[in-house]
Amino acid sequence: MRIVLAEDHFLLRDGLVRLLEAYGHEIVAAVDNGADLLRSLTKEQPDVAVVDVRLPPNFTDEGLRAVLAARREMPDLPVLLLSQYVEPLYARELLGSGGRGVGYMLKDRVTNGSQFLDAIRRVAEGGTAMDPEVITQLLMRKERDENVASLTGREREVLEWLAQGRSNAGIAQGLFISEKAVAKHISSIFTKLGLLPADGDNRRVLAVLAYLEQ
């Protein structure tokens, strides 16, 4: 697939280019700042963009801002954000921008080649790939909430997989339970968290993240 990559650290950017090319992907642009990223996205219209949240000149959220600007013109542009730290607000902003194909991954996870490549594939196909650590930290912040506390151990496991954007079939396979059991757990989760059931991976993920960030 055709990929635009944005990463300001030269060694990491070069390493990602080599990794992705080794697996048959075409890097149509590899940039190190927000302005060049936005130009590359609108010009190349890639199959997926892999973007560091913090880029020059200010190293705040230039990568995210460029992505959001590009998605206003290309709502279904698939984007996988990379970040050094857990910053759930960035994930929320990207998910809330509409369109399909969004992901948020910690840079530490990039060292796991198969996990990184799987996240890119899922995002490029229109799915969602949320870093498990983001979900874990959000759950910890809500630990005192009676609704979260009422979840069973299995429901918490399903919630973590659900918030990563996994389908019912994917959750069932990962937890070695039936899809019927997954659907039952998800229904219970939505009821306990006071969320309306939602169709589509992104809407389900957005609902969960919106609740956990309250």
N, C-alpha and C. Protein backbone atom coordinates (compact mmCIF):
# COMPACT_ATOMS: atom_id res chain seq x y z
N MET A 1 0.84 -1.19 0.00
CA MET A 1 0.00 0.00 0.00
C MET A 1 0.88 1.25 0.00
N ARG A 2 0.31 2.38 -0.38
CA ARG A 2 1.02 3.65 -0.44
C ARG A 2 0.91 4.35 0.91
N ILE A 3 2.06 4.74 1.48
CA ILE A 3 2.08 5.27 2.83
C ILE A 3 2.80 6.61 2.89
N VAL A 4 2.22 7.57 3.61
CA VAL A 4 2.91 8.80 3.97
C VAL A 4 3.33 8.65 5.43
N LEU A 5 4.61 8.88 5.69
CA LEU A 5 5.18 8.72 7.03
C LEU A 5 5.67 10.07 7.54
N ALA A 6 5.31 10.41 8.79
CA ALA A 6 5.78 11.66 9.40
C ALA A 6 6.40 11.34 10.75
N GLU A 7 7.71 11.57 10.86
CA GLU A 7 8.46 11.31 12.09
C GLU A 7 9.69 12.20 12.08
N ASP A 8 9.88 12.99 13.15
CA ASP A 8 10.99 13.95 13.12
C ASP A 8 12.33 13.31 13.49
N HIS A 9 12.32 12.19 14.21
CA HIS A 9 13.57 11.54 14.59
C HIS A 9 14.11 10.76 13.40
N PHE A 10 15.27 11.16 12.91
CA PHE A 10 15.80 10.59 11.66
C PHE A 10 15.96 9.07 11.73
N LEU A 11 16.57 8.57 12.81
CA LEU A 11 16.84 7.13 12.88
C LEU A 11 15.55 6.32 12.91
N LEU A 12 14.55 6.79 13.65
CA LEU A 12 13.28 6.07 13.70
C LEU A 12 12.58 6.16 12.36
N ARG A 13 12.60 7.33 11.74
CA ARG A 13 11.96 7.49 10.43
C ARG A 13 12.60 6.57 9.40
N ASP A 14 13.93 6.55 9.38
CA ASP A 14 14.65 5.69 8.43
C ASP A 14 14.35 4.21 8.70
N GLY A 15 14.29 3.85 9.99
CA GLY A 15 14.01 2.47 10.33
C GLY A 15 12.61 2.04 9.91
N LEU A 16 11.63 2.94 10.09
CA LEU A 16 10.27 2.63 9.69
C LEU A 16 10.14 2.51 8.17
N VAL A 17 10.84 3.39 7.47
CA VAL A 17 10.83 3.30 6.00
C VAL A 17 11.36 1.94 5.55
N ARG A 18 12.48 1.53 6.12
CA ARG A 18 13.09 0.25 5.74
C ARG A 18 12.17 -0.92 6.08
N LEU A 19 11.56 -0.87 7.25
CA LEU A 19 10.65 -1.94 7.67
C LEU A 19 9.45 -2.06 6.74
N LEU A 20 8.82 -0.93 6.47
CA LEU A 20 7.61 -0.94 5.63
C LEU A 20 7.93 -1.35 4.20
N GLU A 21 9.06 -0.88 3.68
CA GLU A 21 9.44 -1.26 2.32
C GLU A 21 9.78 -2.74 2.25
N ALA A 22 10.34 -3.28 3.32
CA ALA A 22 10.69 -4.70 3.35
C ALA A 22 9.45 -5.57 3.25
N TYR A 23 8.31 -5.04 3.67
CA TYR A 23 7.06 -5.78 3.60
C TYR A 23 6.21 -5.38 2.39
N GLY A 24 6.86 -4.74 1.42
CA GLY A 24 6.21 -4.48 0.15
C GLY A 24 5.41 -3.20 0.05
N HIS A 25 5.49 -2.34 1.07
CA HIS A 25 4.75 -1.10 1.02
C HIS A 25 5.57 0.00 0.33
N GLU A 26 4.87 0.96 -0.27
CA GLU A 26 5.53 2.07 -0.95
C GLU A 26 5.44 3.33 -0.09
N ILE A 27 6.59 3.88 0.26
CA ILE A 27 6.61 5.13 1.03
C ILE A 27 6.61 6.28 0.03
N VAL A 28 5.46 6.90 -0.14
CA VAL A 28 5.36 7.97 -1.14
C VAL A 28 5.87 9.30 -0.61
N ALA A 29 5.99 9.42 0.73
CA ALA A 29 6.59 10.62 1.33
C ALA A 29 6.99 10.27 2.76
N ALA A 30 8.19 10.75 3.15
CA ALA A 30 8.67 10.58 4.53
C ALA A 30 9.13 11.96 4.98
N VAL A 31 8.36 12.59 5.87
CA VAL A 31 8.60 13.99 6.23
C VAL A 31 8.86 14.12 7.73
N ASP A 32 9.33 15.33 8.15
CA ASP A 32 9.68 15.51 9.55
C ASP A 32 9.03 16.73 10.19
N ASN A 33 7.99 17.30 9.54
CA ASN A 33 7.31 18.46 10.13
C ASN A 33 5.87 18.53 9.66
N GLY A 34 5.06 19.31 10.39
CA GLY A 34 3.63 19.36 10.12
C GLY A 34 3.26 19.95 8.77
N ALA A 35 3.96 21.00 8.35
CA ALA A 35 3.63 21.66 7.08
C ALA A 35 3.86 20.71 5.91
N ASP A 36 5.01 20.03 5.89
CA ASP A 36 5.29 19.08 4.81
C ASP A 36 4.33 17.89 4.86
N LEU A 37 3.93 17.52 6.07
CA LEU A 37 2.97 16.42 6.20
C LEU A 37 1.66 16.77 5.54
N LEU A 38 1.12 17.93 5.83
CA LEU A 38 -0.16 18.32 5.25
C LEU A 38 -0.07 18.38 3.73
N ARG A 39 1.02 18.96 3.21
CA ARG A 39 1.19 19.03 1.75
C ARG A 39 1.26 17.62 1.15
N SER A 40 1.97 16.73 1.80
CA SER A 40 2.12 15.37 1.27
C SER A 40 0.81 14.61 1.29
N LEU A 41 0.03 14.79 2.35
CA LEU A 41 -1.25 14.09 2.45
C LEU A 41 -2.22 14.53 1.36
N THR A 42 -2.31 15.83 1.15
CA THR A 42 -3.25 16.32 0.14
C THR A 42 -2.78 16.02 -1.28
N LYS A 43 -1.47 16.01 -1.48
CA LYS A 43 -0.93 15.72 -2.81
C LYS A 43 -0.98 14.23 -3.13
N GLU A 44 -0.52 13.40 -2.22
CA GLU A 44 -0.37 11.97 -2.50
C GLU A 44 -1.64 11.17 -2.24
N GLN A 45 -2.50 11.65 -1.30
CA GLN A 45 -3.71 10.91 -0.92
C GLN A 45 -3.39 9.42 -0.74
N PRO A 46 -2.59 9.11 0.27
CA PRO A 46 -2.09 7.74 0.46
C PRO A 46 -3.17 6.77 0.93
N ASP A 47 -2.81 5.50 0.92
CA ASP A 47 -3.71 4.47 1.45
C ASP A 47 -3.79 4.56 2.97
N VAL A 48 -2.71 5.04 3.59
CA VAL A 48 -2.68 5.22 5.03
C VAL A 48 -1.55 6.18 5.38
N ALA A 49 -1.74 6.96 6.46
CA ALA A 49 -0.71 7.86 6.95
C ALA A 49 -0.27 7.37 8.33
N VAL A 50 1.03 7.31 8.55
CA VAL A 50 1.61 6.93 9.84
C VAL A 50 2.28 8.18 10.38
N VAL A 51 1.75 8.74 11.47
CA VAL A 51 2.11 10.10 11.86
C VAL A 51 2.47 10.23 13.34
N ASP A 52 3.63 10.81 13.61
CA ASP A 52 4.00 11.18 14.96
C ASP A 52 3.15 12.38 15.37
N VAL A 53 2.55 12.33 16.56
CA VAL A 53 1.70 13.42 17.01
C VAL A 53 2.48 14.72 17.12
N ARG A 54 3.67 14.65 17.71
CA ARG A 54 4.46 15.86 17.98
C ARG A 54 5.54 16.04 16.92
N LEU A 55 5.42 17.12 16.16
CA LEU A 55 6.37 17.41 15.09
C LEU A 55 6.86 18.85 15.21
N PRO A 56 7.98 19.17 14.56
CA PRO A 56 8.45 20.56 14.52
C PRO A 56 7.39 21.44 13.84
N PRO A 57 7.35 22.74 14.14
CA PRO A 57 8.39 23.47 14.89
C PRO A 57 8.18 23.51 16.41
N ASN A 58 6.97 23.23 16.89
CA ASN A 58 6.69 23.43 18.32
C ASN A 58 6.68 22.14 19.14
N PHE A 59 6.65 21.01 18.47
CA PHE A 59 6.63 19.70 19.15
C PHE A 59 5.48 19.59 20.15
N THR A 60 4.31 20.06 19.74
CA THR A 60 3.12 19.90 20.57
C THR A 60 2.19 18.89 19.91
N ASP A 61 1.36 19.36 18.99
CA ASP A 61 0.43 18.45 18.32
C ASP A 61 0.35 18.73 16.82
N GLU A 62 1.49 19.18 16.24
CA GLU A 62 1.48 19.55 14.82
C GLU A 62 1.07 18.39 13.92
N GLY A 63 1.51 17.18 14.26
CA GLY A 63 1.14 16.02 13.44
C GLY A 63 -0.35 15.79 13.44
N LEU A 64 -0.96 15.85 14.61
CA LEU A 64 -2.41 15.67 14.73
C LEU A 64 -3.14 16.77 13.99
N ARG A 65 -2.70 18.02 14.13
CA ARG A 65 -3.38 19.13 13.46
C ARG A 65 -3.33 18.96 11.94
N ALA A 66 -2.19 18.53 11.42
CA ALA A 66 -2.08 18.32 9.97
C ALA A 66 -3.03 17.23 9.51
N VAL A 67 -3.12 16.17 10.30
CA VAL A 67 -4.02 15.06 9.97
C VAL A 67 -5.48 15.53 9.96
N LEU A 68 -5.87 16.27 11.00
CA LEU A 68 -7.26 16.74 11.08
C LEU A 68 -7.59 17.67 9.91
N ALA A 69 -6.62 18.51 9.53
CA ALA A 69 -6.83 19.41 8.39
C ALA A 69 -7.01 18.61 7.10
N ALA A 70 -6.19 17.59 6.92
CA ALA A 70 -6.28 16.75 5.72
C ALA A 70 -7.59 15.99 5.68
N ARG A 71 -8.06 15.52 6.84
CA ARG A 71 -9.30 14.76 6.88
C ARG A 71 -10.54 15.61 6.64
N ARG A 72 -10.40 16.91 6.75
CA ARG A 72 -11.52 17.77 6.38
C ARG A 72 -11.75 17.72 4.88
N GLU A 73 -10.68 17.48 4.11
CA GLU A 73 -10.80 17.34 2.66
C GLU A 73 -10.97 15.88 2.26
N MET A 74 -10.37 14.99 3.02
CA MET A 74 -10.43 13.54 2.74
C MET A 74 -10.91 12.83 4.01
N PRO A 75 -12.21 12.83 4.27
CA PRO A 75 -12.74 12.31 5.54
C PRO A 75 -12.36 10.87 5.84
N ASP A 76 -12.14 10.08 4.81
CA ASP A 76 -11.84 8.67 5.03
C ASP A 76 -10.35 8.35 4.93
N LEU A 77 -9.51 9.38 5.06
CA LEU A 77 -8.06 9.15 5.04
C LEU A 77 -7.67 8.32 6.26
N PRO A 78 -7.15 7.10 6.08
CA PRO A 78 -6.76 6.27 7.22
C PRO A 78 -5.50 6.82 7.87
N VAL A 79 -5.52 6.92 9.21
CA VAL A 79 -4.40 7.51 9.94
C VAL A 79 -4.07 6.68 11.17
N LEU A 80 -2.79 6.36 11.31
CA LEU A 80 -2.27 5.73 12.53
C LEU A 80 -1.36 6.73 13.22
N LEU A 81 -1.78 7.24 14.39
CA LEU A 81 -0.97 8.18 15.15
C LEU A 81 0.04 7.43 16.01
N LEU A 82 1.23 8.00 16.12
CA LEU A 82 2.26 7.46 17.00
C LEU A 82 2.57 8.50 18.08
N SER A 83 2.77 8.04 19.31
CA SER A 83 3.06 8.96 20.40
C SER A 83 4.01 8.32 21.39
N GLN A 84 4.85 9.15 22.02
CA GLN A 84 5.78 8.65 23.02
C GLN A 84 5.07 8.35 24.33
N TYR A 85 3.96 9.09 24.59
CA TYR A 85 3.26 8.96 25.86
C TYR A 85 1.77 8.72 25.62
N VAL A 86 1.09 8.27 26.66
CA VAL A 86 -0.36 8.07 26.58
C VAL A 86 -1.04 9.43 26.69
N GLU A 87 -1.69 9.83 25.62
CA GLU A 87 -2.42 11.10 25.58
C GLU A 87 -3.79 10.84 24.96
N PRO A 88 -4.73 10.37 25.79
CA PRO A 88 -6.05 9.95 25.29
C PRO A 88 -6.79 11.04 24.52
N LEU A 89 -6.55 12.31 24.88
CA LEU A 89 -7.26 13.39 24.19
C LEU A 89 -6.97 13.37 22.70
N TYR A 90 -5.72 13.03 22.32
CA TYR A 90 -5.37 12.98 20.91
C TYR A 90 -6.17 11.90 20.19
N ALA A 91 -6.31 10.74 20.85
CA ALA A 91 -7.10 9.66 20.26
C ALA A 91 -8.55 10.10 20.10
N ARG A 92 -9.05 10.79 21.10
CA ARG A 92 -10.44 11.26 21.08
C ARG A 92 -10.65 12.24 19.93
N GLU A 93 -9.72 13.17 19.75
CA GLU A 93 -9.86 14.16 18.69
C GLU A 93 -9.86 13.49 17.32
N LEU A 94 -8.98 12.52 17.13
CA LEU A 94 -8.91 11.84 15.84
C LEU A 94 -10.19 11.04 15.59
N LEU A 95 -10.64 10.31 16.59
CA LEU A 95 -11.87 9.53 16.44
C LEU A 95 -13.07 10.44 16.19
N GLY A 96 -13.06 11.59 16.86
CA GLY A 96 -14.18 12.51 16.72
C GLY A 96 -14.19 13.27 15.42
N SER A 97 -13.14 13.14 14.61
CA SER A 97 -13.07 13.88 13.35
C SER A 97 -13.92 13.24 12.26
N GLY A 98 -14.50 12.07 12.56
CA GLY A 98 -15.32 11.39 11.57
C GLY A 98 -14.48 10.54 10.65
N GLY A 99 -15.14 9.87 9.74
CA GLY A 99 -14.43 9.01 8.80
C GLY A 99 -14.05 7.69 9.42
N ARG A 100 -13.48 6.82 8.62
CA ARG A 100 -13.10 5.50 9.06
C ARG A 100 -11.58 5.38 9.04
N GLY A 101 -11.08 4.31 9.66
CA GLY A 101 -9.65 4.05 9.61
C GLY A 101 -8.82 4.95 10.49
N VAL A 102 -8.84 4.70 11.82
CA VAL A 102 -8.05 5.51 12.74
C VAL A 102 -7.34 4.60 13.74
N GLY A 103 -6.15 5.03 14.16
CA GLY A 103 -5.40 4.25 15.12
C GLY A 103 -4.53 5.15 15.98
N TYR A 104 -4.18 4.65 17.16
CA TYR A 104 -3.34 5.39 18.10
C TYR A 104 -2.43 4.37 18.77
N MET A 105 -1.13 4.51 18.58
CA MET A 105 -0.18 3.51 19.09
C MET A 105 1.01 4.20 19.75
N LEU A 106 1.44 3.64 20.89
CA LEU A 106 2.64 4.14 21.53
C LEU A 106 3.87 3.71 20.73
N LYS A 107 4.89 4.57 20.71
CA LYS A 107 6.09 4.27 19.93
C LYS A 107 6.79 3.00 20.42
N ASP A 108 6.68 2.72 21.71
CA ASP A 108 7.30 1.50 22.24
C ASP A 108 6.76 0.27 21.54
N ARG A 109 5.51 0.35 21.09
CA ARG A 109 4.85 -0.78 20.46
C ARG A 109 5.38 -1.01 19.03
N VAL A 110 6.00 0.02 18.46
CA VAL A 110 6.51 -0.08 17.09
C VAL A 110 7.62 -1.12 17.00
N THR A 111 8.31 -1.35 18.11
CA THR A 111 9.39 -2.34 18.10
C THR A 111 8.87 -3.75 17.89
N ASN A 112 7.57 -3.94 18.13
CA ASN A 112 6.93 -5.22 17.83
C ASN A 112 6.44 -5.15 16.39
N GLY A 113 7.26 -5.62 15.46
CA GLY A 113 6.95 -5.46 14.04
C GLY A 113 5.60 -6.00 13.63
N SER A 114 5.25 -7.18 14.10
CA SER A 114 3.98 -7.78 13.68
C SER A 114 2.80 -6.98 14.20
N GLN A 115 2.90 -6.48 15.44
CA GLN A 115 1.81 -5.69 16.02
C GLN A 115 1.66 -4.36 15.27
N PHE A 116 2.78 -3.75 14.94
CA PHE A 116 2.78 -2.48 14.21
C PHE A 116 2.18 -2.66 12.82
N LEU A 117 2.62 -3.67 12.11
CA LEU A 117 2.11 -3.92 10.77
C LEU A 117 0.64 -4.30 10.78
N ASP A 118 0.22 -5.05 11.80
CA ASP A 118 -1.19 -5.41 11.92
C ASP A 118 -2.05 -4.16 12.15
N ALA A 119 -1.54 -3.23 12.96
CA ALA A 119 -2.28 -1.99 13.22
C ALA A 119 -2.43 -1.18 11.93
N ILE A 120 -1.36 -1.09 11.15
CA ILE A 120 -1.42 -0.37 9.87
C ILE A 120 -2.44 -1.01 8.94
N ARG A 121 -2.42 -2.34 8.88
CA ARG A 121 -3.36 -3.04 8.00
C ARG A 121 -4.80 -2.78 8.41
N ARG A 122 -5.08 -2.88 9.71
CA ARG A 122 -6.45 -2.69 10.19
C ARG A 122 -6.93 -1.26 9.92
N VAL A 123 -6.05 -0.29 10.15
CA VAL A 123 -6.42 1.10 9.90
C VAL A 123 -6.66 1.33 8.41
N ALA A 124 -5.77 0.81 7.56
CA ALA A 124 -5.90 0.99 6.12
C ALA A 124 -7.19 0.37 5.60
N GLU A 125 -7.66 -0.69 6.26
CA GLU A 125 -8.90 -1.36 5.84
C GLU A 125 -10.14 -0.68 6.41
N GLY A 126 -9.94 0.43 7.12
CA GLY A 126 -11.08 1.16 7.64
C GLY A 126 -11.43 0.84 9.07
N GLY A 127 -10.58 0.05 9.75
CA GLY A 127 -10.85 -0.32 11.12
C GLY A 127 -10.21 0.62 12.12
N THR A 128 -10.18 0.18 13.38
CA THR A 128 -9.63 0.99 14.46
C THR A 128 -8.56 0.20 15.19
N ALA A 129 -7.47 0.87 15.54
CA ALA A 129 -6.38 0.21 16.27
C ALA A 129 -5.95 1.10 17.42
N MET A 130 -6.52 0.85 18.60
CA MET A 130 -6.18 1.64 19.79
C MET A 130 -5.16 0.90 20.64
N ASP A 131 -4.17 1.62 21.14
CA ASP A 131 -3.15 1.00 21.98
C ASP A 131 -3.76 0.54 23.30
N PRO A 132 -3.53 -0.71 23.69
CA PRO A 132 -4.10 -1.22 24.95
C PRO A 132 -3.71 -0.39 26.16
N GLU A 133 -2.51 0.22 26.15
CA GLU A 133 -2.07 1.01 27.30
C GLU A 133 -2.93 2.25 27.50
N VAL A 134 -3.43 2.81 26.40
CA VAL A 134 -4.32 3.97 26.50
C VAL A 134 -5.59 3.56 27.24
N ILE A 135 -6.14 2.42 26.86
CA ILE A 135 -7.37 1.94 27.48
C ILE A 135 -7.13 1.60 28.95
N THR A 136 -6.00 0.98 29.24
CA THR A 136 -5.69 0.61 30.62
C THR A 136 -5.61 1.84 31.51
N GLN A 137 -4.94 2.89 31.03
CA GLN A 137 -4.80 4.10 31.85
C GLN A 137 -6.12 4.82 32.03
N LEU A 138 -6.97 4.78 31.00
CA LEU A 138 -8.29 5.40 31.14
C LEU A 138 -9.13 4.65 32.17
N LEU A 139 -9.04 3.33 32.15
CA LEU A 139 -9.77 2.53 33.13
C LEU A 139 -9.27 2.82 34.55
N MET A 140 -7.97 2.98 34.70
CA MET A 140 -7.40 3.28 36.02
C MET A 140 -7.91 4.62 36.53
N ARG A 141 -8.05 5.59 35.62
CA ARG A 141 -8.53 6.90 36.04
C ARG A 141 -9.98 6.83 36.51
N LYS A 142 -10.74 5.88 35.95
CA LYS A 142 -12.16 5.76 36.27
C LYS A 142 -12.41 4.69 37.33
N GLU A 143 -11.37 4.21 37.97
CA GLU A 143 -11.49 3.05 38.86
C GLU A 143 -12.52 3.26 39.95
N ARG A 144 -12.66 4.48 40.43
CA ARG A 144 -13.59 4.74 41.52
C ARG A 144 -15.03 4.89 41.04
N ASP A 145 -15.22 4.96 39.77
CA ASP A 145 -16.57 5.10 39.23
C ASP A 145 -17.37 3.82 39.48
N GLU A 146 -18.56 3.96 40.03
CA GLU A 146 -19.38 2.79 40.37
C GLU A 146 -19.71 1.97 39.14
N ASN A 147 -19.91 2.64 37.99
CA ASN A 147 -20.25 1.91 36.77
C ASN A 147 -19.11 1.01 36.33
N VAL A 148 -17.88 1.55 36.33
CA VAL A 148 -16.72 0.75 35.96
C VAL A 148 -16.50 -0.35 36.99
N ALA A 149 -16.67 -0.01 38.26
CA ALA A 149 -16.46 -1.00 39.32
C ALA A 149 -17.45 -2.16 39.22
N SER A 150 -18.59 -1.93 38.59
CA SER A 150 -19.60 -2.98 38.50
C SER A 150 -19.30 -4.00 37.40
N LEU A 151 -18.32 -3.70 36.55
CA LEU A 151 -17.98 -4.62 35.48
C LEU A 151 -17.31 -5.87 36.04
N THR A 152 -17.64 -7.02 35.49
CA THR A 152 -16.97 -8.25 35.88
C THR A 152 -15.59 -8.30 35.25
N GLY A 153 -14.76 -9.23 35.70
CA GLY A 153 -13.43 -9.37 35.12
C GLY A 153 -13.49 -9.65 33.64
N ARG A 154 -14.39 -10.51 33.20
CA ARG A 154 -14.53 -10.82 31.78
C ARG A 154 -15.01 -9.61 31.01
N GLU A 155 -15.94 -8.84 31.58
CA GLU A 155 -16.45 -7.66 30.89
C GLU A 155 -15.34 -6.61 30.72
N ARG A 156 -14.46 -6.51 31.68
CA ARG A 156 -13.33 -5.58 31.56
C ARG A 156 -12.40 -6.03 30.44
N GLU A 157 -12.19 -7.34 30.31
CA GLU A 157 -11.36 -7.85 29.22
C GLU A 157 -11.99 -7.52 27.87
N VAL A 158 -13.30 -7.77 27.77
CA VAL A 158 -14.02 -7.48 26.52
C VAL A 158 -13.98 -5.99 26.23
N LEU A 159 -14.13 -5.15 27.28
CA LEU A 159 -14.09 -3.70 27.09
C LEU A 159 -12.76 -3.25 26.52
N GLU A 160 -11.66 -3.81 27.03
CA GLU A 160 -10.34 -3.43 26.54
C GLU A 160 -10.19 -3.79 25.07
N TRP A 161 -10.66 -4.97 24.68
CA TRP A 161 -10.60 -5.37 23.27
C TRP A 161 -11.54 -4.52 22.43
N LEU A 162 -12.72 -4.23 22.96
CA LEU A 162 -13.69 -3.41 22.25
C LEU A 162 -13.13 -2.02 21.98
N ALA A 163 -12.48 -1.44 22.99
CA ALA A 163 -11.93 -0.10 22.84
C ALA A 163 -10.75 -0.04 21.88
N GLN A 164 -10.15 -1.20 21.60
CA GLN A 164 -9.07 -1.25 20.59
C GLN A 164 -9.64 -1.29 19.17
N GLY A 165 -10.96 -1.42 19.05
CA GLY A 165 -11.58 -1.45 17.74
C GLY A 165 -11.76 -2.84 17.17
N ARG A 166 -11.67 -3.86 18.02
CA ARG A 166 -11.82 -5.23 17.54
C ARG A 166 -13.29 -5.55 17.28
N SER A 167 -13.54 -6.33 16.26
CA SER A 167 -14.89 -6.79 15.96
C SER A 167 -15.29 -7.86 16.96
N ASN A 168 -16.57 -8.20 16.98
CA ASN A 168 -17.02 -9.27 17.88
C ASN A 168 -16.28 -10.57 17.59
N ALA A 169 -16.07 -10.85 16.30
CA ALA A 169 -15.36 -12.07 15.92
C ALA A 169 -13.92 -12.03 16.40
N GLY A 170 -13.28 -10.86 16.29
CA GLY A 170 -11.90 -10.72 16.74
C GLY A 170 -11.77 -10.88 18.25
N ILE A 171 -12.74 -10.32 18.98
CA ILE A 171 -12.73 -10.45 20.44
C ILE A 171 -12.93 -11.91 20.83
N ALA A 172 -13.87 -12.57 20.16
CA ALA A 172 -14.15 -13.97 20.46
C ALA A 172 -12.91 -14.83 20.24
N GLN A 173 -12.23 -14.58 19.14
CA GLN A 173 -11.01 -15.35 18.83
C GLN A 173 -9.92 -15.08 19.86
N GLY A 174 -9.76 -13.82 20.25
CA GLY A 174 -8.70 -13.47 21.19
C GLY A 174 -8.93 -13.99 22.60
N LEU A 175 -10.20 -14.07 23.00
CA LEU A 175 -10.52 -14.50 24.36
C LEU A 175 -10.98 -15.96 24.41
N PHE A 176 -11.03 -16.61 23.25
CA PHE A 176 -11.41 -18.02 23.16
C PHE A 176 -12.82 -18.25 23.73
N ILE A 177 -13.75 -17.36 23.33
CA ILE A 177 -15.15 -17.53 23.69
C ILE A 177 -15.98 -17.38 22.43
N SER A 178 -17.28 -17.65 22.51
CA SER A 178 -18.14 -17.57 21.33
C SER A 178 -18.52 -16.12 21.03
N GLU A 179 -18.88 -15.86 19.77
CA GLU A 179 -19.34 -14.52 19.40
C GLU A 179 -20.63 -14.17 20.13
N LYS A 180 -21.45 -15.18 20.38
CA LYS A 180 -22.70 -14.94 21.13
C LYS A 180 -22.38 -14.44 22.53
N ALA A 181 -21.36 -15.04 23.15
CA ALA A 181 -20.95 -14.60 24.49
C ALA A 181 -20.40 -13.18 24.45
N VAL A 182 -19.64 -12.85 23.41
CA VAL A 182 -19.10 -11.51 23.26
C VAL A 182 -20.22 -10.49 23.16
N ALA A 183 -21.22 -10.79 22.31
CA ALA A 183 -22.35 -9.87 22.13
C ALA A 183 -23.09 -9.65 23.45
N LYS A 184 -23.22 -10.71 24.24
CA LYS A 184 -23.89 -10.61 25.54
C LYS A 184 -23.08 -9.73 26.48
N HIS A 185 -21.75 -9.91 26.50
CA HIS A 185 -20.90 -9.09 27.36
C HIS A 185 -20.95 -7.63 26.95
N ILE A 186 -20.91 -7.36 25.65
CA ILE A 186 -20.93 -5.98 25.16
C ILE A 186 -22.24 -5.30 25.52
N SER A 187 -23.34 -6.02 25.39
CA SER A 187 -24.64 -5.48 25.77
C SER A 187 -24.66 -5.11 27.25
N SER A 188 -24.08 -5.98 28.07
CA SER A 188 -24.02 -5.72 29.51
C SER A 188 -23.13 -4.52 29.81
N ILE A 189 -22.00 -4.42 29.10
CA ILE A 189 -21.07 -3.30 29.29
C ILE A 189 -21.76 -1.98 28.99
N PHE A 190 -22.42 -1.91 27.83
CA PHE A 190 -23.10 -0.68 27.44
C PHE A 190 -24.18 -0.31 28.46
N THR A 191 -24.89 -1.30 28.97
CA THR A 191 -25.93 -1.04 29.96
C THR A 191 -25.33 -0.49 31.25
N LYS A 192 -24.28 -1.13 31.73
CA LYS A 192 -23.65 -0.69 32.99
C LYS A 192 -22.99 0.68 32.87
N LEU A 193 -22.45 0.99 31.69
CA LEU A 193 -21.78 2.28 31.49
C LEU A 193 -22.74 3.37 31.04
N GLY A 194 -24.00 3.00 30.85
CA GLY A 194 -24.98 3.99 30.44
C GLY A 194 -24.79 4.49 29.02
N LEU A 195 -24.30 3.61 28.14
CA LEU A 195 -24.05 3.97 26.74
C LEU A 195 -25.09 3.35 25.84
N LEU A 196 -25.50 4.09 24.83
CA LEU A 196 -26.40 3.52 23.84
C LEU A 196 -25.61 2.59 22.93
N PRO A 197 -26.15 1.41 22.60
CA PRO A 197 -25.46 0.52 21.66
C PRO A 197 -25.19 1.25 20.34
N ALA A 198 -24.04 0.95 19.72
CA ALA A 198 -23.66 1.63 18.48
C ALA A 198 -23.16 0.63 17.46
N ASP A 199 -23.52 0.85 16.20
CA ASP A 199 -23.04 0.01 15.11
C ASP A 199 -21.72 0.57 14.59
N GLY A 200 -20.83 -0.30 14.14
CA GLY A 200 -19.56 0.14 13.56
C GLY A 200 -18.49 0.27 14.62
N ASP A 201 -17.28 -0.17 14.27
CA ASP A 201 -16.17 -0.17 15.21
C ASP A 201 -15.89 1.22 15.76
N ASN A 202 -15.80 2.23 14.88
CA ASN A 202 -15.43 3.56 15.34
C ASN A 202 -16.44 4.13 16.32
N ARG A 203 -17.72 3.93 16.06
CA ARG A 203 -18.75 4.47 16.94
C ARG A 203 -18.70 3.78 18.30
N ARG A 204 -18.44 2.49 18.30
CA ARG A 204 -18.35 1.77 19.57
C ARG A 204 -17.13 2.24 20.36
N VAL A 205 -16.01 2.39 19.67
CA VAL A 205 -14.79 2.87 20.33
C VAL A 205 -15.00 4.28 20.85
N LEU A 206 -15.60 5.15 20.04
CA LEU A 206 -15.82 6.53 20.42
C LEU A 206 -16.71 6.61 21.66
N ALA A 207 -17.74 5.79 21.71
CA ALA A 207 -18.64 5.78 22.86
C ALA A 207 -17.90 5.39 24.13
N VAL A 208 -17.08 4.36 24.03
CA VAL A 208 -16.32 3.89 25.19
C VAL A 208 -15.33 4.96 25.65
N LEU A 209 -14.57 5.53 24.72
CA LEU A 209 -13.57 6.54 25.08
C LEU A 209 -14.23 7.78 25.66
N ALA A 210 -15.38 8.18 25.09
CA ALA A 210 -16.09 9.35 25.60
C ALA A 210 -16.48 9.13 27.06
N TYR A 211 -16.92 7.94 27.37
CA TYR A 211 -17.30 7.66 28.75
C TYR A 211 -16.08 7.64 29.67
N LEU A 212 -15.02 6.96 29.26
CA LEU A 212 -13.85 6.81 30.11
C LEU A 212 -13.14 8.14 30.35
N GLU A 213 -13.33 9.12 29.48
CA GLU A 213 -12.66 10.41 29.64
C GLU A 213 -13.48 11.40 30.45
N GLN A 214 -14.71 11.07 30.86
CA GLN A 214 -15.54 11.98 31.62
C GLN A 214 -14.92 12.27 32.98
